[in-house]
């Protein structure tokens, strides 16, 4: 992408869209840290079951970075990011429909793909900028980690405002 036909406007749009997407992905990736407490009580989970539930998306996100990064190199960041976010959106929707522990774990696997967005975004954003601007661009993109904080600050407020129904937060 970094060629003479790439404009500053195109770079900014790619960086803005990628950073916002990354923020949403990180908010989703860590959602069990908040709604998991309600789910634990609802399903009567023990501490081990709860720990596995919370850890599942983190593990999936970490492992998915490998194949998402490879696919980004092969097929391009725009396509892979789009498919990754659509798949994650389906997992979030399914999360609102499940009621058993095993199905929560399946949904958690899907939510974990949101954590893999880091590998896609880094590769995608890097291609829009020349080497001497990539550090700044990636620093801005990396600010999308704030999504985890958005979840930890915002989800409890939503839980209270919506009457404590975790499904409304997801």
Protein backbone atom coordinates (compact mmCIF):
# COMPACT_ATOMS: atom_id res chain seq x y z
CA UNK A 1 0.00 0.00 0.00
CA UNK A 2 2.79 2.42 0.70
CA UNK A 3 3.27 3.73 -2.78
CA UNK A 4 3.10 7.13 -4.39
CA UNK A 5 -0.67 6.84 -4.97
CA UNK A 6 -1.52 6.41 -1.28
CA UNK A 7 -2.83 9.69 0.09
CA UNK A 8 -2.68 10.97 3.64
CA UNK A 9 -6.49 10.79 3.71
CA UNK A 10 -6.42 7.09 2.81
CA UNK A 11 -3.81 6.44 5.47
CA UNK A 12 -5.87 8.23 8.11
CA UNK A 13 -9.06 6.40 7.16
CA UNK A 14 -7.30 3.03 7.32
CA UNK A 15 -5.70 3.89 10.67
CA UNK A 16 -8.92 5.27 12.16
CA UNK A 17 -11.05 2.33 11.04
CA UNK A 18 -8.43 -0.17 12.22
CA UNK A 19 -8.02 1.50 15.61
CA UNK A 20 -11.78 1.68 16.20
CA UNK A 21 -12.15 -1.96 15.12
CA UNK A 22 -9.34 -2.98 17.43
CA UNK A 23 -10.97 -1.09 20.31
CA UNK A 24 -14.26 -2.93 19.76
CA UNK A 25 -12.43 -6.24 19.46
CA UNK A 26 -10.57 -5.75 22.72
CA UNK A 27 -13.79 -4.73 24.48
CA UNK A 28 -15.42 -7.95 23.29
CA UNK A 29 -12.35 -10.05 24.03
CA UNK A 30 -12.48 -9.21 27.74
CA UNK A 31 -16.27 -9.16 28.21
CA UNK A 32 -16.28 -12.31 30.38
CA UNK A 33 -14.28 -10.47 33.03
CA UNK A 34 -17.49 -8.56 33.77
CA UNK A 35 -20.50 -10.54 32.57
CA UNK A 36 -18.81 -13.77 33.65
CA UNK A 37 -19.60 -12.98 37.28
CA UNK A 38 -23.32 -12.90 36.51
CA UNK A 39 -23.01 -16.07 34.41
CA UNK A 40 -21.11 -17.79 37.25
CA UNK A 41 -23.96 -17.05 39.64
CA UNK A 42 -26.66 -17.94 37.10
CA UNK A 43 -25.13 -21.33 36.26
CA UNK A 44 -23.75 -22.02 39.74
CA UNK A 45 -20.20 -22.44 38.42
CA UNK A 46 -17.37 -23.31 40.75
CA UNK A 47 -14.13 -21.31 40.70
CA UNK A 48 -12.41 -23.72 38.31
CA UNK A 49 -15.26 -23.62 35.79
CA UNK A 50 -15.38 -19.84 36.02
CA UNK A 51 -11.61 -19.60 35.53
CA UNK A 52 -11.81 -21.77 32.42
CA UNK A 53 -14.67 -19.66 31.06
CA UNK A 54 -12.77 -16.41 31.52
CA UNK A 55 -9.50 -17.87 30.20
CA UNK A 56 -10.98 -19.47 27.07
CA UNK A 57 -11.28 -16.30 24.94
CA UNK A 58 -7.86 -15.13 26.08
CA UNK A 59 -6.30 -18.43 25.03
CA UNK A 60 -8.17 -18.49 21.71
CA UNK A 61 -7.19 -14.90 21.01
CA UNK A 62 -3.55 -15.58 21.70
CA UNK A 63 -3.42 -18.71 19.55
CA UNK A 64 -5.53 -17.28 16.73
CA UNK A 65 -2.97 -14.54 16.13
CA UNK A 66 -0.78 -17.07 14.35
CA UNK A 67 -3.23 -18.13 11.65
CA UNK A 68 -4.87 -14.70 11.41
CA UNK A 69 -1.44 -13.17 10.80
CA UNK A 70 -0.64 -15.74 8.13
CA UNK A 71 -4.00 -15.20 6.44
CA UNK A 72 -3.47 -11.43 6.57
CA UNK A 73 -0.20 -11.88 4.67
CA UNK A 74 -1.89 -14.18 2.14
CA UNK A 75 -5.29 -12.51 1.62
CA UNK A 76 -4.90 -8.96 2.90
CA UNK A 77 -5.85 -7.20 6.08
CA UNK A 78 -9.11 -5.71 4.85
CA UNK A 79 -10.61 -9.12 4.00
CA UNK A 80 -9.27 -10.93 7.05
CA UNK A 81 -10.27 -8.12 9.45
CA UNK A 82 -13.77 -8.05 7.97
CA UNK A 83 -14.22 -11.81 8.25
CA UNK A 84 -12.70 -11.88 11.73
CA UNK A 85 -15.06 -9.17 12.96
CA UNK A 86 -18.12 -10.80 11.35
CA UNK A 87 -17.24 -14.13 12.96
CA UNK A 88 -16.77 -12.42 16.31
CA UNK A 89 -20.12 -10.62 15.92
CA UNK A 90 -21.84 -13.97 15.35
CA UNK A 91 -20.16 -15.32 18.50
CA UNK A 92 -21.36 -12.29 20.50
CA UNK A 93 -24.89 -12.79 19.20
CA UNK A 94 -24.80 -16.51 20.02
CA UNK A 95 -23.57 -15.65 23.50
CA UNK A 96 -26.92 -13.98 24.19
CA UNK A 97 -28.78 -17.18 23.26
CA UNK A 98 -26.86 -19.85 25.19
CA UNK A 99 -27.74 -21.18 28.62
CA UNK A 100 -25.43 -24.12 29.33
CA UNK A 101 -21.82 -24.08 30.45
CA UNK A 102 -20.63 -26.05 27.44
CA UNK A 103 -22.29 -23.62 25.03
CA UNK A 104 -20.76 -20.68 26.91
CA UNK A 105 -17.37 -22.28 26.31
CA UNK A 106 -18.12 -22.57 22.58
CA UNK A 107 -19.16 -18.91 22.50
CA UNK A 108 -16.00 -18.02 24.42
CA UNK A 109 -13.91 -19.73 21.73
CA UNK A 110 -15.57 -17.50 19.13
CA UNK A 111 -15.13 -14.37 21.24
CA UNK A 112 -11.46 -15.21 21.49
CA UNK A 113 -11.02 -14.45 17.80
CA UNK A 114 -11.45 -10.79 18.75
CA UNK A 115 -8.11 -10.98 20.55
CA UNK A 116 -6.47 -12.14 17.35
CA UNK A 117 -7.36 -8.85 15.70
CA UNK A 118 -4.06 -7.45 16.94
CA UNK A 119 -2.06 -9.47 14.40
CA UNK A 120 -4.37 -8.48 11.57
CA UNK A 121 -4.37 -4.79 12.44
CA UNK A 122 -0.61 -4.49 12.87
CA UNK A 123 0.04 -6.01 9.45
CA UNK A 124 -2.74 -4.00 7.81
CA UNK A 125 -1.79 -0.63 9.30
CA UNK A 126 1.92 -1.14 8.60
CA UNK A 127 1.27 -1.46 4.90
CA UNK A 128 -0.33 1.97 4.69
CA UNK A 129 2.73 3.81 6.01
CA UNK A 130 6.37 4.13 5.02
CA UNK A 131 8.91 2.72 7.48
CA UNK A 132 9.67 6.10 9.02
CA UNK A 133 5.97 6.56 10.00
CA UNK A 134 5.07 3.01 11.02
CA UNK A 135 6.04 3.41 14.68
CA UNK A 136 3.67 6.33 15.13
CA UNK A 137 0.89 4.65 13.18
CA UNK A 138 1.25 1.42 15.16
CA UNK A 139 1.35 3.36 18.41
CA UNK A 140 -1.96 4.98 17.51
CA UNK A 141 -3.39 1.63 16.44
CA UNK A 142 -2.18 0.03 19.68
CA UNK A 143 -4.25 2.52 21.65
CA UNK A 144 -7.15 0.25 20.70
CA UNK A 145 -6.17 -1.75 23.78
CA UNK A 146 -8.31 0.80 25.58
CA UNK A 147 -11.23 -1.44 24.58
CA UNK A 148 -10.40 -3.69 27.54
CA UNK A 149 -10.73 -0.71 29.86
CA UNK A 150 -13.98 0.33 28.15
CA UNK A 151 -15.40 -3.08 29.05
CA UNK A 152 -14.16 -2.97 32.62
CA UNK A 153 -15.52 0.55 33.19
CA UNK A 154 -18.56 0.52 30.93
CA UNK A 155 -20.02 -2.97 31.29
CA UNK A 156 -20.74 -2.69 35.03
CA UNK A 157 -22.52 0.61 34.42
CA UNK A 158 -24.58 -1.02 31.66
CA UNK A 159 -25.38 -3.96 33.93
CA UNK A 160 -26.76 -1.62 36.56
CA UNK A 161 -28.56 0.63 34.07
CA UNK A 162 -30.17 -2.35 32.32
CA UNK A 163 -31.27 -4.06 35.50
CA UNK A 164 -28.46 -6.58 35.81
CA UNK A 165 -29.22 -8.65 32.68
CA UNK A 166 -25.84 -9.69 31.29
CA UNK A 167 -27.47 -10.58 27.93
CA UNK A 168 -28.20 -6.88 27.36
CA UNK A 169 -24.54 -6.00 27.87
CA UNK A 170 -23.32 -8.63 25.40
